[in-house]
N, C-alpha and C. Protein backbone atom coordinates (compact mmCIF):
# COMPACT_ATOMS: atom_id res chain seq x y z
N MET A 1 236.72 190.06 62.88
CA MET A 1 235.89 189.47 63.91
C MET A 1 236.77 189.05 65.07
N ASN A 2 236.33 189.33 66.29
CA ASN A 2 237.09 188.96 67.48
C ASN A 2 237.02 187.46 67.72
N GLU A 3 237.96 186.97 68.51
CA GLU A 3 237.93 185.57 68.90
C GLU A 3 236.77 185.33 69.85
N LEU A 4 236.30 184.09 69.90
CA LEU A 4 235.24 183.75 70.85
C LEU A 4 235.82 183.82 72.26
N THR A 5 235.12 184.50 73.14
CA THR A 5 235.64 184.74 74.48
C THR A 5 235.00 183.87 75.56
N HIS A 6 234.02 183.08 75.20
CA HIS A 6 233.34 182.26 76.20
C HIS A 6 233.96 180.88 76.36
N PHE A 7 235.23 180.73 75.91
CA PHE A 7 235.93 179.47 76.07
C PHE A 7 237.29 179.72 76.67
N SER A 8 237.68 178.85 77.60
CA SER A 8 239.02 178.96 78.21
C SER A 8 240.05 178.42 77.21
N GLU A 9 241.32 178.56 77.57
CA GLU A 9 242.39 178.05 76.71
C GLU A 9 242.28 176.54 76.50
N SER A 10 241.70 175.85 77.46
CA SER A 10 241.53 174.39 77.34
C SER A 10 240.24 174.02 76.63
N GLY A 11 239.45 175.02 76.20
CA GLY A 11 238.23 174.75 75.45
C GLY A 11 236.98 174.61 76.28
N ARG A 12 237.07 174.88 77.57
CA ARG A 12 235.90 174.78 78.45
C ARG A 12 235.13 176.09 78.43
N ALA A 13 233.82 175.97 78.53
CA ALA A 13 232.96 177.15 78.56
C ALA A 13 233.23 177.93 79.84
N ARG A 14 233.17 179.26 79.73
CA ARG A 14 233.39 180.11 80.91
C ARG A 14 232.63 181.42 80.74
N MET A 15 232.34 182.05 81.86
CA MET A 15 231.78 183.39 81.84
C MET A 15 232.94 184.37 81.74
N VAL A 16 232.86 185.29 80.82
CA VAL A 16 233.92 186.26 80.60
C VAL A 16 234.01 187.21 81.80
N ASP A 17 235.21 187.50 82.24
CA ASP A 17 235.42 188.45 83.33
C ASP A 17 235.41 189.87 82.75
N VAL A 18 234.41 190.67 83.14
CA VAL A 18 234.28 192.03 82.61
C VAL A 18 234.68 193.07 83.65
N SER A 19 235.28 192.65 84.75
CA SER A 19 235.57 193.57 85.85
C SER A 19 236.53 194.70 85.46
N ALA A 20 237.40 194.49 84.49
CA ALA A 20 238.35 195.53 84.08
C ALA A 20 237.76 196.50 83.04
N LYS A 21 236.59 196.19 82.53
CA LYS A 21 235.98 197.04 81.50
C LYS A 21 235.33 198.26 82.15
N PRO A 22 235.44 199.41 81.52
CA PRO A 22 234.78 200.59 82.08
C PRO A 22 233.26 200.52 81.89
N GLU A 23 232.55 201.10 82.81
CA GLU A 23 231.10 201.17 82.69
C GLU A 23 230.74 202.20 81.62
N SER A 24 229.74 201.90 80.81
CA SER A 24 229.27 202.85 79.81
C SER A 24 227.78 202.65 79.60
N GLN A 25 227.14 203.64 78.99
CA GLN A 25 225.73 203.52 78.62
C GLN A 25 225.63 202.52 77.49
N ARG A 26 224.73 201.57 77.62
CA ARG A 26 224.57 200.53 76.62
C ARG A 26 223.10 200.39 76.27
N MET A 27 222.84 200.04 75.02
CA MET A 27 221.48 199.90 74.55
C MET A 27 221.46 198.86 73.44
N ALA A 28 220.40 198.08 73.37
CA ALA A 28 220.22 197.13 72.28
C ALA A 28 218.75 197.10 71.90
N VAL A 29 218.50 196.94 70.59
CA VAL A 29 217.14 196.80 70.08
C VAL A 29 217.08 195.48 69.32
N ALA A 30 216.06 194.67 69.64
CA ALA A 30 215.81 193.42 68.93
C ALA A 30 214.37 193.43 68.43
N SER A 31 214.14 192.67 67.38
CA SER A 31 212.79 192.59 66.82
C SER A 31 212.47 191.16 66.45
N GLY A 32 211.20 190.92 66.18
CA GLY A 32 210.74 189.62 65.70
C GLY A 32 209.32 189.75 65.20
N VAL A 33 208.90 188.75 64.46
CA VAL A 33 207.58 188.75 63.84
C VAL A 33 206.85 187.45 64.19
N LEU A 34 205.56 187.57 64.47
CA LEU A 34 204.69 186.41 64.64
C LEU A 34 203.65 186.46 63.53
N ARG A 35 203.73 185.53 62.60
CA ARG A 35 202.77 185.45 61.49
C ARG A 35 201.54 184.67 61.96
N MET A 36 200.36 185.15 61.55
CA MET A 36 199.10 184.54 61.96
C MET A 36 198.03 184.83 60.93
N GLN A 37 196.92 184.14 61.08
CA GLN A 37 195.78 184.41 60.21
C GLN A 37 195.24 185.81 60.49
N GLU A 38 194.70 186.44 59.48
CA GLU A 38 194.17 187.79 59.62
C GLU A 38 193.08 187.85 60.70
N ALA A 39 192.26 186.81 60.80
CA ALA A 39 191.19 186.79 61.81
C ALA A 39 191.78 186.79 63.23
N THR A 40 192.92 186.15 63.41
CA THR A 40 193.56 186.13 64.72
C THR A 40 194.05 187.53 65.09
N LEU A 41 194.70 188.19 64.15
CA LEU A 41 195.17 189.55 64.39
C LEU A 41 194.00 190.47 64.73
N LEU A 42 192.90 190.33 64.02
CA LEU A 42 191.72 191.16 64.28
C LEU A 42 191.18 190.91 65.69
N ARG A 43 191.11 189.65 66.11
CA ARG A 43 190.62 189.35 67.47
C ARG A 43 191.54 189.94 68.54
N ILE A 44 192.85 189.89 68.29
CA ILE A 44 193.79 190.48 69.25
C ILE A 44 193.52 191.99 69.35
N ARG A 45 193.43 192.65 68.21
CA ARG A 45 193.23 194.10 68.19
C ARG A 45 191.88 194.53 68.76
N GLU A 46 190.87 193.70 68.60
CA GLU A 46 189.54 194.03 69.13
C GLU A 46 189.36 193.57 70.57
N GLY A 47 190.36 192.93 71.15
CA GLY A 47 190.28 192.48 72.54
C GLY A 47 189.32 191.33 72.73
N ARG A 48 189.19 190.46 71.72
CA ARG A 48 188.24 189.36 71.78
C ARG A 48 188.90 188.01 72.03
N MET A 49 190.05 187.99 72.69
CA MET A 49 190.69 186.73 73.05
C MET A 49 190.24 186.36 74.46
N ASN A 50 189.88 185.10 74.65
CA ASN A 50 189.35 184.65 75.94
C ASN A 50 190.33 184.82 77.09
N LYS A 51 191.64 184.80 76.81
CA LYS A 51 192.64 184.87 77.87
C LYS A 51 192.96 186.30 78.29
N GLY A 52 192.36 187.31 77.66
CA GLY A 52 192.58 188.68 78.07
C GLY A 52 193.31 189.51 77.04
N ASN A 53 193.88 190.63 77.49
CA ASN A 53 194.58 191.57 76.62
C ASN A 53 195.94 190.99 76.26
N VAL A 54 196.01 190.43 75.07
CA VAL A 54 197.18 189.68 74.63
C VAL A 54 198.44 190.54 74.63
N LEU A 55 198.37 191.73 74.08
CA LEU A 55 199.58 192.55 73.96
C LEU A 55 200.03 193.11 75.30
N ALA A 56 199.10 193.38 76.20
CA ALA A 56 199.49 193.84 77.55
C ALA A 56 200.25 192.74 78.28
N VAL A 57 199.77 191.51 78.16
CA VAL A 57 200.45 190.39 78.81
C VAL A 57 201.81 190.15 78.16
N ALA A 58 201.88 190.22 76.83
CA ALA A 58 203.15 190.02 76.13
C ALA A 58 204.16 191.10 76.49
N ASP A 59 203.69 192.32 76.69
CA ASP A 59 204.56 193.42 77.11
C ASP A 59 205.21 193.11 78.46
N VAL A 60 204.40 192.70 79.42
CA VAL A 60 204.92 192.36 80.75
C VAL A 60 205.86 191.15 80.67
N ALA A 61 205.49 190.17 79.85
CA ALA A 61 206.35 188.98 79.70
C ALA A 61 207.72 189.36 79.13
N ALA A 62 207.74 190.29 78.19
CA ALA A 62 209.02 190.73 77.61
C ALA A 62 209.90 191.39 78.66
N VAL A 63 209.33 192.25 79.48
CA VAL A 63 210.10 192.90 80.54
C VAL A 63 210.63 191.86 81.52
N MET A 64 209.77 190.94 81.92
CA MET A 64 210.21 189.89 82.85
C MET A 64 211.34 189.06 82.24
N ALA A 65 211.23 188.74 80.96
CA ALA A 65 212.24 187.93 80.28
C ALA A 65 213.58 188.67 80.22
N ALA A 66 213.54 189.96 79.91
CA ALA A 66 214.79 190.73 79.88
C ALA A 66 215.48 190.67 81.24
N LYS A 67 214.71 190.81 82.31
CA LYS A 67 215.27 190.81 83.65
C LYS A 67 215.81 189.44 84.07
N ARG A 68 215.26 188.37 83.48
CA ARG A 68 215.65 187.01 83.89
C ARG A 68 216.57 186.32 82.89
N THR A 69 217.07 187.04 81.90
CA THR A 69 217.91 186.43 80.86
C THR A 69 219.07 185.62 81.43
N PRO A 70 219.82 186.11 82.43
CA PRO A 70 220.94 185.30 82.94
C PRO A 70 220.50 183.97 83.55
N ASP A 71 219.22 183.83 83.89
CA ASP A 71 218.74 182.57 84.45
C ASP A 71 218.59 181.48 83.38
N ILE A 72 218.51 181.88 82.11
CA ILE A 72 218.31 180.88 81.05
C ILE A 72 219.42 180.83 80.01
N ILE A 73 220.27 181.85 79.95
CA ILE A 73 221.42 181.85 79.04
C ILE A 73 222.65 181.66 79.93
N PRO A 74 223.30 180.50 79.88
CA PRO A 74 224.30 180.13 80.89
C PRO A 74 225.45 181.11 81.11
N MET A 75 226.01 181.71 80.08
CA MET A 75 227.18 182.56 80.26
C MET A 75 226.85 184.05 80.25
N CYS A 76 225.57 184.37 80.37
CA CYS A 76 225.12 185.76 80.35
C CYS A 76 225.28 186.38 81.74
N HIS A 77 225.82 187.59 81.80
CA HIS A 77 226.02 188.29 83.07
C HIS A 77 224.71 188.83 83.62
N SER A 78 224.64 188.89 84.93
CA SER A 78 223.52 189.58 85.59
C SER A 78 223.78 191.08 85.46
N ILE A 79 222.81 191.80 84.94
CA ILE A 79 222.96 193.23 84.67
C ILE A 79 221.82 193.98 85.32
N MET A 80 222.12 195.12 85.92
CA MET A 80 221.08 195.99 86.44
C MET A 80 220.53 196.80 85.27
N LEU A 81 219.37 196.41 84.75
CA LEU A 81 218.78 197.10 83.61
C LEU A 81 218.21 198.43 84.05
N SER A 82 218.33 199.43 83.20
CA SER A 82 217.75 200.74 83.52
C SER A 82 216.45 200.97 82.76
N GLY A 83 216.19 200.18 81.71
CA GLY A 83 214.94 200.36 80.98
C GLY A 83 214.69 199.24 79.99
N VAL A 84 213.41 198.94 79.81
CA VAL A 84 212.95 197.99 78.79
C VAL A 84 211.70 198.60 78.18
N VAL A 85 211.75 198.84 76.86
CA VAL A 85 210.61 199.41 76.14
C VAL A 85 210.17 198.39 75.10
N VAL A 86 208.88 198.08 75.08
CA VAL A 86 208.32 197.09 74.16
C VAL A 86 207.28 197.77 73.30
N GLU A 87 207.37 197.58 71.99
CA GLU A 87 206.40 198.14 71.06
C GLU A 87 205.93 197.06 70.10
N PHE A 88 204.64 197.09 69.79
CA PHE A 88 204.05 196.15 68.84
C PHE A 88 203.47 196.94 67.67
N CYS A 89 203.57 196.39 66.48
CA CYS A 89 202.87 196.98 65.33
C CYS A 89 202.32 195.85 64.46
N ASP A 90 201.20 196.14 63.81
CA ASP A 90 200.56 195.16 62.95
C ASP A 90 201.30 195.04 61.63
N ILE A 91 201.35 193.84 61.10
CA ILE A 91 201.81 193.60 59.74
C ILE A 91 200.55 193.20 58.97
N THR A 92 200.00 194.13 58.23
CA THR A 92 198.73 193.88 57.55
C THR A 92 198.90 193.36 56.14
N GLU A 93 200.11 193.47 55.60
CA GLU A 93 200.38 192.96 54.25
C GLU A 93 200.58 191.45 54.34
N PRO A 94 199.70 190.65 53.75
CA PRO A 94 199.84 189.19 53.84
C PRO A 94 201.11 188.69 53.16
N ASP A 95 201.68 187.62 53.72
CA ASP A 95 202.82 186.97 53.07
C ASP A 95 202.30 185.98 52.04
N ASP A 96 203.17 185.15 51.49
CA ASP A 96 202.78 184.20 50.45
C ASP A 96 201.73 183.20 50.91
N SER A 97 201.68 182.93 52.21
CA SER A 97 200.70 181.98 52.73
C SER A 97 199.40 182.66 53.17
N GLY A 98 199.30 183.98 52.96
CA GLY A 98 198.09 184.71 53.32
C GLY A 98 198.05 185.17 54.76
N CYS A 99 199.17 185.02 55.49
CA CYS A 99 199.20 185.39 56.90
C CYS A 99 199.63 186.84 57.09
N THR A 100 198.99 187.50 58.03
CA THR A 100 199.41 188.82 58.48
C THR A 100 200.22 188.59 59.75
N GLY A 101 200.34 189.58 60.62
CA GLY A 101 201.08 189.31 61.83
C GLY A 101 201.30 190.51 62.71
N ILE A 102 202.14 190.29 63.71
CA ILE A 102 202.53 191.32 64.66
C ILE A 102 204.05 191.34 64.72
N LYS A 103 204.61 192.54 64.68
CA LYS A 103 206.05 192.72 64.86
C LYS A 103 206.27 193.31 66.24
N VAL A 104 207.27 192.80 66.95
CA VAL A 104 207.65 193.36 68.25
C VAL A 104 209.03 193.98 68.11
N MET A 105 209.21 195.12 68.77
CA MET A 105 210.52 195.77 68.89
C MET A 105 210.75 195.96 70.39
N VAL A 106 211.91 195.54 70.85
CA VAL A 106 212.26 195.67 72.27
C VAL A 106 213.57 196.43 72.37
N MET A 107 213.58 197.50 73.17
CA MET A 107 214.80 198.25 73.45
C MET A 107 215.14 198.08 74.92
N VAL A 108 216.38 197.63 75.18
CA VAL A 108 216.85 197.43 76.55
C VAL A 108 218.06 198.33 76.75
N SER A 109 218.13 198.96 77.93
CA SER A 109 219.26 199.84 78.22
C SER A 109 219.78 199.60 79.63
N CYS A 110 221.06 199.99 79.81
CA CYS A 110 221.69 199.90 81.12
C CYS A 110 222.95 200.76 81.11
N ALA A 111 223.48 200.99 82.28
CA ALA A 111 224.82 201.53 82.44
C ALA A 111 225.62 200.38 83.03
N GLY A 112 226.56 199.84 82.25
CA GLY A 112 227.25 198.66 82.74
C GLY A 112 228.52 198.36 81.99
N GLN A 113 229.09 197.19 82.32
CA GLN A 113 230.37 196.76 81.76
C GLN A 113 230.21 195.78 80.61
N THR A 114 228.98 195.40 80.32
CA THR A 114 228.72 194.48 79.21
C THR A 114 227.38 194.82 78.59
N GLY A 115 227.18 194.40 77.35
CA GLY A 115 226.01 194.79 76.58
C GLY A 115 224.72 194.09 76.97
N VAL A 116 223.63 194.54 76.35
CA VAL A 116 222.30 194.03 76.67
C VAL A 116 221.63 193.39 75.45
N GLU A 117 222.44 192.92 74.50
CA GLU A 117 221.87 192.27 73.32
C GLU A 117 221.07 191.03 73.68
N MET A 118 221.60 190.20 74.56
CA MET A 118 220.90 188.96 74.92
C MET A 118 219.58 189.25 75.62
N GLU A 119 219.56 190.30 76.43
CA GLU A 119 218.31 190.67 77.11
C GLU A 119 217.25 191.11 76.10
N ALA A 120 217.66 191.90 75.10
CA ALA A 120 216.71 192.37 74.08
C ALA A 120 216.21 191.20 73.24
N LEU A 121 217.11 190.31 72.83
CA LEU A 121 216.70 189.15 72.02
C LEU A 121 215.80 188.20 72.81
N THR A 122 216.12 187.98 74.06
CA THR A 122 215.28 187.11 74.90
C THR A 122 213.90 187.72 75.07
N ALA A 123 213.85 189.02 75.34
CA ALA A 123 212.56 189.70 75.53
C ALA A 123 211.70 189.62 74.27
N ALA A 124 212.30 189.83 73.10
CA ALA A 124 211.53 189.76 71.85
C ALA A 124 210.96 188.35 71.65
N ASN A 125 211.78 187.35 71.88
CA ASN A 125 211.30 185.97 71.74
C ASN A 125 210.16 185.67 72.69
N VAL A 126 210.30 186.04 73.94
CA VAL A 126 209.28 185.74 74.94
C VAL A 126 207.99 186.51 74.66
N ALA A 127 208.09 187.73 74.18
CA ALA A 127 206.87 188.46 73.81
C ALA A 127 206.10 187.70 72.73
N LEU A 128 206.81 187.23 71.71
CA LEU A 128 206.16 186.49 70.62
C LEU A 128 205.62 185.15 71.10
N LEU A 129 206.37 184.46 71.95
CA LEU A 129 205.89 183.19 72.49
C LEU A 129 204.65 183.38 73.36
N THR A 130 204.58 184.49 74.06
CA THR A 130 203.42 184.78 74.89
C THR A 130 202.17 185.00 74.03
N ILE A 131 202.33 185.74 72.96
CA ILE A 131 201.21 185.94 72.04
C ILE A 131 200.77 184.58 71.47
N TYR A 132 201.74 183.78 71.06
CA TYR A 132 201.42 182.44 70.54
C TYR A 132 200.63 181.65 71.58
N ASP A 133 201.12 181.63 72.80
CA ASP A 133 200.46 180.87 73.86
C ASP A 133 199.02 181.32 74.07
N MET A 134 198.79 182.60 74.03
CA MET A 134 197.45 183.13 74.30
C MET A 134 196.50 182.96 73.12
N CYS A 135 197.04 182.68 71.93
CA CYS A 135 196.20 182.58 70.72
C CYS A 135 196.21 181.20 70.08
N LYS A 136 196.97 180.27 70.61
CA LYS A 136 197.14 178.98 69.95
C LYS A 136 195.85 178.17 69.83
N ALA A 137 194.89 178.41 70.69
CA ALA A 137 193.63 177.66 70.62
C ALA A 137 192.86 177.97 69.34
N ILE A 138 193.07 179.16 68.76
CA ILE A 138 192.34 179.51 67.54
C ILE A 138 193.23 179.52 66.30
N ASP A 139 194.56 179.46 66.47
CA ASP A 139 195.45 179.55 65.32
C ASP A 139 196.76 178.82 65.61
N ARG A 140 196.75 177.52 65.47
CA ARG A 140 197.96 176.72 65.75
C ARG A 140 199.03 176.87 64.69
N GLY A 141 198.69 177.44 63.55
CA GLY A 141 199.65 177.58 62.46
C GLY A 141 200.51 178.83 62.54
N MET A 142 200.41 179.59 63.63
CA MET A 142 201.24 180.79 63.77
C MET A 142 202.71 180.39 63.72
N ARG A 143 203.56 181.33 63.26
CA ARG A 143 204.99 181.03 63.22
C ARG A 143 205.81 182.28 63.55
N ILE A 144 206.85 182.04 64.30
CA ILE A 144 207.77 183.10 64.68
C ILE A 144 208.86 183.20 63.62
N GLU A 145 209.14 184.44 63.20
CA GLU A 145 210.13 184.68 62.15
C GLU A 145 211.02 185.86 62.51
N TYR A 146 212.20 185.86 61.95
CA TYR A 146 213.08 187.03 61.91
C TYR A 146 213.38 187.64 63.27
N VAL A 147 213.61 186.84 64.30
CA VAL A 147 214.07 187.41 65.56
C VAL A 147 215.52 187.78 65.36
N GLN A 148 215.84 189.05 65.57
CA GLN A 148 217.18 189.51 65.25
C GLN A 148 217.54 190.79 66.00
N LEU A 149 218.83 190.99 66.14
CA LEU A 149 219.34 192.24 66.70
C LEU A 149 219.25 193.31 65.63
N GLU A 150 218.69 194.45 65.97
CA GLU A 150 218.56 195.56 65.04
C GLU A 150 219.66 196.60 65.25
N GLU A 151 220.02 196.80 66.51
CA GLU A 151 220.98 197.85 66.84
C GLU A 151 221.56 197.60 68.21
N LYS A 152 222.81 198.01 68.40
CA LYS A 152 223.42 198.02 69.74
C LYS A 152 224.32 199.23 69.83
N ARG A 153 224.39 199.81 71.02
CA ARG A 153 225.25 200.97 71.27
C ARG A 153 225.99 200.78 72.58
N GLY A 154 227.19 201.34 72.62
CA GLY A 154 227.95 201.35 73.86
C GLY A 154 229.11 200.38 73.85
N GLY A 155 229.96 200.54 74.84
CA GLY A 155 231.11 199.67 74.96
C GLY A 155 232.19 199.99 73.94
N LYS A 156 233.20 199.13 73.91
CA LYS A 156 234.35 199.34 73.05
C LYS A 156 233.99 199.31 71.56
N SER A 157 233.01 198.49 71.20
CA SER A 157 232.66 198.37 69.77
C SER A 157 231.72 199.48 69.31
N GLY A 158 231.18 200.27 70.21
CA GLY A 158 230.37 201.43 69.83
C GLY A 158 229.03 201.07 69.21
N LEU A 159 228.71 201.72 68.11
CA LEU A 159 227.41 201.57 67.44
C LEU A 159 227.47 200.48 66.38
N TRP A 160 226.47 199.61 66.38
CA TRP A 160 226.25 198.65 65.30
C TRP A 160 224.76 198.72 64.95
N ARG A 161 224.47 198.80 63.67
CA ARG A 161 223.08 198.87 63.22
C ARG A 161 222.91 197.93 62.02
N ARG A 162 221.81 197.16 62.04
CA ARG A 162 221.50 196.26 60.92
C ARG A 162 221.20 197.11 59.68
N GLU A 163 221.81 196.76 58.58
CA GLU A 163 221.57 197.46 57.31
C GLU A 163 220.66 196.61 56.44
N ASN A 164 219.92 197.24 55.54
CA ASN A 164 219.06 196.55 54.58
C ASN A 164 218.12 195.57 55.24
N GLN A 165 217.29 196.07 56.12
CA GLN A 165 216.38 195.20 56.87
C GLN A 165 215.33 194.68 55.97
């Protein structure tokens, strides 16, 4: 494991200087799950939420979050993103508490000097928070689970993929 690079020799937080790094194609995929009552999932899928098309709004929120990540993560670099893809799928198998849910997968890409893991993770979180916000009036017991990096490509470290998901 590499040393932590976001600290100076005196222990102060700093933004890492990436100016000497070569530009390369970079990509990261993050995912997360929002557990909810089966009736909530059905209302989302049937378009019966009073606030509108929940997944369309969450999709836009995820893209906006990826683009604004450096505004909320202090040491994150501003990156010119080349793409953000958001996908949702139903989790119809109930967990121990009887909840079903929605899984989000977000893929972020760029050509740059630093990776896009933080952008993908931020986008996944904001997509799930947006769904929660739009559905909380009917299901306050929803819970966000398993927000995690699934894969990253590019840069000096190359490919990393989560095993045994």
